[in-house]
């Protein structure tokens, strides 16, 4: 039995989770949950025992000095709660950590135990993958679920994926089997600029999340960071004609694929979203809401050919046999693959660790 002391009774709680590692290209998903925790001043109420789930030779603890005393920060997964006020208040339970090295079923059962005790109504798991998507276009975000009824009522894709998966897929299936509604939101990160951070992908995930759960998310400086990120990548791409040509080919492919979507129904949906955001709502910060087309800090073009200047890699094959995930929106029978190339997955920051 999980005992939660000091946690108030929650209002219509939704659990939002993200994990560093395989399903976190550009650190976009874990950064999104960190943003929610920071903007809404989340209060940590639990941390999973690192000894149970992590291989410390893979995710190493770190040592730091605190007033002359040496302390150890262990890799872990922490849970915090945020209370969002407004006309229709709603609480969020935030789960942020590192993909576990072992005992995934026990890990998911422990997360679900907290969800049950807190009365969580839905679990939303954020992920990010590498895809053939140009950095100059809005970030594709797909929403998938294993629940046919949920897919129908919330306009999501019903996943039919078969193949290797990460903790995001395992947790979603565990929720489904436990009778807890669960949704995964996936952002596509350009594979040729995969190094973290990617504030444009983080912003896109937050935009889709607020549409899904009906909360206005304060963005802080994220929109400006996303614009600066895109400008930085534009400048780097312009320095290499081959990279510029490759990006143009991705743009043409993307625009051609999305042409059928420019229907009256799609335009009406976008206009309704604009009206909702213009009118504001619970949790909206001053300054309104930015769209995902704008866009952080410095970035680098990924060099897949070895030392020297970055060159445009050939479009990677997709699917579970290649280790690279498909771009979102390719169909419910495909699941995003690993967030490879998104930095050191063994690193641990103190925001997601416990002494």
Protein backbone atom coordinates (compact mmCIF):
# COMPACT_ATOMS: atom_id res chain seq x y z
CA UNK A 1 0.00 0.00 0.00
CA UNK A 2 1.34 3.41 -1.00
CA UNK A 3 0.83 6.03 1.69
CA UNK A 4 0.82 9.63 0.51
CA UNK A 5 1.35 12.04 3.36
CA UNK A 6 1.06 15.76 2.74
CA UNK A 7 -0.56 15.37 -0.69
CA UNK A 8 -3.91 17.20 -0.79
CA UNK A 9 -7.00 15.72 -2.40
CA UNK A 10 -6.56 16.37 -6.11
CA UNK A 11 -9.05 17.88 -8.54
CA UNK A 12 -9.61 15.91 -11.78
CA UNK A 13 -5.94 14.86 -11.79
CA UNK A 14 -4.06 13.93 -14.96
CA UNK A 15 -0.65 12.25 -14.79
CA UNK A 16 1.94 13.55 -17.28
CA UNK A 17 5.13 11.50 -17.64
CA UNK A 18 8.38 11.65 -19.61
CA UNK A 19 11.62 9.72 -19.39
CA UNK A 20 15.13 10.59 -20.53
CA UNK A 21 16.80 8.13 -22.87
CA UNK A 22 15.59 6.04 -25.79
CA UNK A 23 12.28 7.85 -26.35
CA UNK A 24 13.47 11.41 -25.71
CA UNK A 25 15.14 12.76 -28.86
CA UNK A 26 16.54 16.22 -28.29
CA UNK A 27 15.44 15.93 -24.64
CA UNK A 28 12.16 17.40 -25.89
CA UNK A 29 9.81 15.27 -23.78
CA UNK A 30 11.65 15.42 -20.46
CA UNK A 31 12.18 19.15 -20.94
CA UNK A 32 8.43 19.62 -21.45
CA UNK A 33 7.61 17.96 -18.10
CA UNK A 34 10.43 19.93 -16.46
CA UNK A 35 8.88 23.11 -17.85
CA UNK A 36 5.50 22.27 -16.31
CA UNK A 37 7.14 21.52 -12.97
CA UNK A 38 9.09 24.78 -13.02
CA UNK A 39 6.32 27.08 -14.25
CA UNK A 40 3.72 25.73 -11.86
CA UNK A 41 6.16 25.21 -8.95
CA UNK A 42 5.63 21.51 -8.53
CA UNK A 43 6.11 19.93 -5.11
CA UNK A 44 7.91 16.59 -5.10
CA UNK A 45 6.11 14.02 -2.96
CA UNK A 46 7.78 10.75 -3.95
CA UNK A 47 10.88 9.28 -5.58
CA UNK A 48 11.31 5.70 -6.70
CA UNK A 49 14.15 3.70 -5.14
CA UNK A 50 17.04 3.97 -7.60
CA UNK A 51 18.47 0.67 -6.34
CA UNK A 52 15.47 -1.21 -7.74
CA UNK A 53 15.48 0.05 -11.32
CA UNK A 54 18.83 1.45 -12.45
CA UNK A 55 22.16 -0.04 -13.45
CA UNK A 56 24.60 2.46 -11.99
CA UNK A 57 27.25 1.52 -14.57
CA UNK A 58 24.82 2.73 -17.23
CA UNK A 59 23.26 5.67 -15.35
CA UNK A 60 26.00 6.70 -12.98
CA UNK A 61 25.39 8.67 -9.77
CA UNK A 62 27.14 12.00 -9.41
CA UNK A 63 28.94 13.61 -6.48
CA UNK A 64 28.79 17.28 -5.57
CA UNK A 65 29.82 19.58 -2.73
CA UNK A 66 27.18 21.25 -0.56
CA UNK A 67 28.74 23.68 1.90
CA UNK A 68 31.88 21.57 2.10
CA UNK A 69 29.97 18.30 2.53
CA UNK A 70 30.07 15.74 -0.26
CA UNK A 71 26.69 14.44 -1.42
CA UNK A 72 25.59 11.86 -3.96
CA UNK A 73 22.80 12.34 -6.47
CA UNK A 74 21.31 9.03 -7.60
CA UNK A 75 19.48 8.54 -10.91
CA UNK A 76 15.80 8.11 -10.17
CA UNK A 77 12.24 8.94 -11.15
CA UNK A 78 10.44 11.58 -9.13
CA UNK A 79 6.77 12.46 -8.81
CA UNK A 80 5.48 15.95 -8.11
CA UNK A 81 2.06 17.57 -8.00
CA UNK A 82 1.00 20.95 -9.37
CA UNK A 83 -2.30 22.73 -8.78
CA UNK A 84 -3.59 24.77 -11.70
CA UNK A 85 -6.12 27.41 -10.72
CA UNK A 86 -8.65 29.32 -12.78
CA UNK A 87 -12.33 28.91 -13.54
CA UNK A 88 -11.89 25.15 -13.99
CA UNK A 89 -9.00 24.12 -11.73
CA UNK A 90 -7.27 20.84 -12.43
CA UNK A 91 -4.27 19.17 -10.82
CA UNK A 92 -1.38 17.48 -12.58
CA UNK A 93 0.82 14.67 -11.30
CA UNK A 94 4.19 14.99 -13.02
CA UNK A 95 6.46 11.98 -13.47
CA UNK A 96 9.99 12.74 -14.63
CA UNK A 97 13.00 10.49 -14.63
CA UNK A 98 15.26 8.22 -16.64
CA UNK A 99 14.17 5.12 -18.53
CA UNK A 100 14.82 2.27 -16.07
CA UNK A 101 17.52 -0.30 -16.74
CA UNK A 102 15.58 -3.24 -15.29
CA UNK A 103 12.32 -4.47 -13.70
CA UNK A 104 10.09 -2.54 -16.07
CA UNK A 105 6.93 -4.32 -14.97
CA UNK A 106 7.56 -3.48 -11.31
CA UNK A 107 8.43 0.07 -12.32
CA UNK A 108 5.12 0.50 -14.17
CA UNK A 109 3.17 -1.12 -11.34
CA UNK A 110 4.67 1.35 -8.88
CA UNK A 111 3.74 4.30 -11.11
CA UNK A 112 0.22 2.90 -11.48
CA UNK A 113 -0.01 2.47 -7.70
CA UNK A 114 0.51 6.20 -7.28
CA UNK A 115 -2.00 6.89 -10.06
CA UNK A 116 -4.61 4.74 -8.30
CA UNK A 117 -4.08 6.28 -4.88
CA UNK A 118 -4.27 9.81 -6.28
CA UNK A 119 -7.39 9.16 -8.35
CA UNK A 120 -5.68 9.91 -11.68
CA UNK A 121 -8.26 10.07 -14.48
CA UNK A 122 -5.86 9.80 -17.42
CA UNK A 123 -2.14 9.23 -18.04
CA UNK A 124 -0.38 11.20 -20.79
CA UNK A 125 3.13 10.04 -21.70
CA UNK A 126 5.35 12.35 -23.75
CA UNK A 127 7.96 11.09 -26.18
CA UNK A 128 10.19 12.38 -28.97
CA UNK A 129 11.72 10.55 -31.93
CA UNK A 130 14.04 11.23 -34.85
CA UNK A 131 12.23 11.70 -38.15
CA UNK A 132 12.55 12.92 -41.72
CA UNK A 133 11.05 16.29 -40.88
CA UNK A 134 12.50 19.71 -41.81
CA UNK A 135 13.31 22.11 -38.98
CA UNK A 136 11.62 24.92 -40.92
CA UNK A 137 8.14 23.44 -40.65
CA UNK A 138 5.81 23.01 -37.64
CA UNK A 139 6.83 20.02 -35.53
CA UNK A 140 4.60 17.00 -36.23
CA UNK A 141 3.03 15.67 -33.02
CA UNK A 142 1.03 12.44 -33.11
CA UNK A 143 -1.28 11.18 -30.40
CA UNK A 144 -1.69 7.42 -30.03
CA UNK A 145 -3.55 5.12 -27.68
CA UNK A 146 -4.30 1.42 -27.26
CA UNK A 147 -7.89 2.19 -26.26
CA UNK A 148 -10.27 2.09 -29.24
CA UNK A 149 -12.94 4.14 -27.43
CA UNK A 150 -10.39 6.76 -26.38
CA UNK A 151 -9.04 6.96 -29.92
CA UNK A 152 -12.55 7.62 -31.22
CA UNK A 153 -13.63 10.18 -28.61
CA UNK A 154 -10.35 12.14 -28.52
CA UNK A 155 -9.45 11.97 -32.22
CA UNK A 156 -6.32 9.89 -31.65
CA UNK A 157 -4.65 7.08 -33.57
CA UNK A 158 -5.15 3.55 -32.31
CA UNK A 159 -1.74 1.92 -32.27
CA UNK A 160 -1.20 -1.43 -33.95
CA UNK A 161 2.58 -1.37 -33.69
CA UNK A 162 4.55 -4.60 -33.35
CA UNK A 163 8.26 -4.59 -32.54
CA UNK A 164 10.82 -3.25 -30.03
CA UNK A 165 9.53 -0.59 -27.67
CA UNK A 166 10.70 1.64 -24.83
CA UNK A 167 9.33 2.45 -21.39
CA UNK A 168 6.77 4.79 -23.01
CA UNK A 169 5.14 1.89 -24.84
CA UNK A 170 5.36 -0.43 -21.83
CA UNK A 171 3.79 2.09 -19.46
CA UNK A 172 0.99 2.84 -21.91
CA UNK A 173 0.15 -0.86 -22.22
CA UNK A 174 0.32 -1.29 -18.43
CA UNK A 175 -2.20 1.53 -18.06
CA UNK A 176 -4.50 -0.03 -20.64
CA UNK A 177 -4.45 -3.41 -18.90
CA UNK A 178 -5.11 -1.69 -15.56
CA UNK A 179 -8.14 0.12 -16.98
CA UNK A 180 -6.51 3.57 -16.81
CA UNK A 181 -7.01 5.72 -19.95
CA UNK A 182 -3.57 6.43 -21.44
CA UNK A 183 -2.32 8.51 -24.36
CA UNK A 184 1.16 8.95 -25.81
CA UNK A 185 2.13 12.19 -27.55
CA UNK A 186 5.11 11.97 -29.90
CA UNK A 187 7.07 14.89 -31.38
CA UNK A 188 9.32 14.38 -34.40
CA UNK A 189 12.82 15.88 -34.14
CA UNK A 190 14.85 16.45 -37.35
CA UNK A 191 17.39 13.64 -37.46
CA UNK A 192 20.06 15.96 -38.91
CA UNK A 193 19.93 18.28 -35.88
CA UNK A 194 19.20 15.94 -33.00
CA UNK A 195 21.37 17.35 -30.24
CA UNK A 196 19.52 18.76 -27.24
CA UNK A 197 17.94 21.05 -26.47
CA UNK A 198 15.16 21.32 -29.03
CA UNK A 199 12.77 23.97 -27.66
CA UNK A 200 10.67 23.91 -30.84
CA UNK A 201 9.77 20.24 -30.26
CA UNK A 202 9.18 20.91 -26.55
CA UNK A 203 6.83 23.77 -27.45
CA UNK A 204 4.92 21.57 -29.89
CA UNK A 205 4.40 18.89 -27.23
CA UNK A 206 3.10 21.46 -24.75
CA UNK A 207 0.74 22.91 -27.37
CA UNK A 208 -0.72 19.47 -28.06
CA UNK A 209 -0.87 18.65 -24.34
CA UNK A 210 -2.90 21.73 -23.50
CA UNK A 211 -5.35 20.93 -26.30
CA UNK A 212 -5.69 17.40 -24.95
CA UNK A 213 -6.29 18.21 -21.29
CA UNK A 214 -7.91 21.63 -21.64
CA UNK A 215 -5.37 23.67 -19.67
CA UNK A 216 -3.55 26.86 -20.63
CA UNK A 217 0.17 26.32 -20.12
CA UNK A 218 2.37 29.34 -19.34
CA UNK A 219 5.23 29.27 -21.81
CA UNK A 220 7.73 31.64 -20.19
CA UNK A 221 10.66 32.15 -22.57
CA UNK A 222 10.08 28.90 -24.45
CA UNK A 223 8.57 30.53 -27.56
CA UNK A 224 11.51 32.92 -27.88
CA UNK A 225 13.96 30.06 -27.34
CA UNK A 226 12.24 28.11 -30.11
CA UNK A 227 12.51 31.02 -32.54
CA UNK A 228 16.21 31.47 -31.73
CA UNK A 229 16.76 27.72 -32.19
CA UNK A 230 15.29 27.79 -35.68
CA UNK A 231 17.30 30.86 -36.66
CA UNK A 232 20.47 29.17 -35.44
CA UNK A 233 19.80 26.04 -37.49
CA UNK A 234 18.90 28.19 -40.52
CA UNK A 235 22.30 29.88 -40.33
CA UNK A 236 24.20 26.61 -39.97
CA UNK A 237 22.30 25.01 -42.84
CA UNK A 238 22.93 28.03 -45.08
CA UNK A 239 26.69 27.55 -44.68
CA UNK A 240 26.57 24.21 -46.50
CA UNK A 241 24.87 23.94 -49.89
CA UNK A 242 24.36 20.17 -49.54
CA UNK A 243 22.60 20.60 -46.22
CA UNK A 244 20.44 23.39 -47.64
CA UNK A 245 19.51 21.21 -50.62
CA UNK A 246 18.64 18.30 -48.34
CA UNK A 247 16.44 20.48 -46.13
CA UNK A 248 14.67 21.78 -49.24
CA UNK A 249 13.92 18.21 -50.34
CA UNK A 250 12.40 17.48 -46.92
CA UNK A 251 10.30 20.64 -47.15
CA UNK A 252 8.94 19.65 -50.56
CA UNK A 253 8.11 16.14 -49.37
CA UNK A 254 6.40 17.48 -46.25
CA UNK A 255 4.38 20.08 -48.14
CA UNK A 256 3.26 17.55 -50.74
CA UNK A 257 2.20 15.06 -48.07
CA UNK A 258 0.19 17.67 -46.19
CA UNK A 259 -1.55 19.16 -49.21
CA UNK A 260 -4.67 16.96 -48.85
CA UNK A 261 -5.00 18.18 -45.26
CA UNK A 262 -5.71 21.72 -46.45
CA UNK A 263 -9.43 20.98 -46.47
CA UNK A 264 -12.26 23.10 -45.17
CA UNK A 265 -12.63 20.79 -42.16
CA UNK A 266 -8.94 21.05 -41.25
CA UNK A 267 -9.01 24.84 -41.59
CA UNK A 268 -12.11 24.99 -39.39
CA UNK A 269 -10.35 22.95 -36.69
CA UNK A 270 -7.37 25.30 -36.74
CA UNK A 271 -9.65 28.35 -36.55
CA UNK A 272 -11.47 26.89 -33.54
CA UNK A 273 -8.13 26.29 -31.83
CA UNK A 274 -7.12 29.89 -32.54
CA UNK A 275 -10.35 31.21 -31.00
CA UNK A 276 -9.91 29.09 -27.87
CA UNK A 277 -6.37 30.34 -27.38
CA UNK A 278 -7.29 33.96 -28.10
CA UNK A 279 -10.04 33.88 -25.48
CA UNK A 280 -7.65 32.46 -22.89
CA UNK A 281 -8.50 30.01 -20.16
CA UNK A 282 -7.32 28.36 -16.94
CA UNK A 283 -3.62 28.56 -16.36
CA UNK A 284 -2.93 31.06 -19.16
CA UNK A 285 -0.12 33.43 -18.37
CA UNK A 286 -0.01 37.07 -19.47
CA UNK A 287 1.14 37.46 -23.04
CA UNK A 288 -1.08 34.80 -24.54
CA UNK A 289 -0.12 31.60 -26.28
CA UNK A 290 2.53 31.04 -28.92
CA UNK A 291 2.17 28.58 -31.74
CA UNK A 292 4.67 25.87 -32.53
CA UNK A 293 5.83 27.53 -35.73
CA UNK A 294 8.09 29.91 -33.93
CA UNK A 295 11.34 28.93 -32.56
CA UNK A 296 16.33 28.20 -28.39
CA UNK A 297 19.60 28.25 -27.76
CA UNK A 298 22.48 27.16 -29.93
CA UNK A 299 22.35 23.90 -31.81
CA UNK A 300 24.51 21.84 -34.12
CA UNK A 301 23.94 20.00 -37.34
CA UNK A 302 24.48 16.34 -36.78
CA UNK A 303 27.57 15.00 -38.57
CA UNK A 304 26.99 11.36 -39.37
CA UNK A 305 29.99 11.03 -41.64
CA UNK A 306 32.73 11.43 -39.04
CA UNK A 307 34.94 14.40 -38.10
CA UNK A 308 34.57 17.64 -39.94
CA UNK A 309 31.64 19.67 -41.14
CA UNK A 310 28.17 18.22 -40.99
CA UNK A 311 26.84 16.69 -44.16
CA UNK A 312 23.24 15.81 -44.90
CA UNK A 313 22.78 12.12 -44.13
CA UNK A 314 20.67 10.06 -46.45
CA UNK A 315 17.10 9.74 -45.23
CA UNK A 316 17.20 6.85 -42.73
CA UNK A 317 15.04 3.83 -43.13
CA UNK A 318 12.30 3.55 -40.58
CA UNK A 319 10.84 0.72 -38.60
CA UNK A 320 11.77 -1.50 -35.68
CA UNK A 321 14.48 -3.34 -37.57
CA UNK A 322 16.57 -0.22 -38.14
CA UNK A 323 16.44 1.36 -34.70
CA UNK A 324 15.03 4.56 -36.20
CA UNK A 325 11.44 5.50 -35.64
CA UNK A 326 8.99 6.61 -38.29
CA UNK A 327 7.79 10.14 -38.51
CA UNK A 328 4.55 10.73 -36.61
CA UNK A 329 1.42 10.46 -38.65
CA UNK A 330 2.61 7.53 -40.74
CA UNK A 331 -0.18 5.33 -39.46
CA UNK A 332 -1.46 3.61 -36.34
CA UNK A 333 0.51 0.44 -37.08
CA UNK A 334 3.81 2.23 -36.54
CA UNK A 335 5.32 3.20 -33.23
CA UNK A 336 8.03 5.84 -32.87
CA UNK A 337 11.43 4.33 -32.34
CA UNK A 338 14.38 5.39 -30.21
CA UNK A 339 15.46 8.97 -29.70
CA UNK A 340 18.97 8.18 -30.82
CA UNK A 341 21.47 10.97 -31.06
CA UNK A 342 19.79 13.03 -28.36
CA UNK A 343 22.78 13.42 -26.11
CA UNK A 344 24.22 11.39 -23.26
CA UNK A 345 21.44 9.21 -21.95
CA UNK A 346 23.61 8.27 -19.00
CA UNK A 347 23.73 11.78 -17.66
CA UNK A 348 21.62 12.78 -14.70
CA UNK A 349 20.48 16.20 -13.69
CA UNK A 350 19.60 17.06 -10.13
CA UNK A 351 16.07 18.04 -11.11
CA UNK A 352 15.23 14.38 -11.71
CA UNK A 353 17.35 12.77 -9.01
CA UNK A 354 17.18 12.12 -5.33
CA UNK A 355 19.90 12.34 -2.69
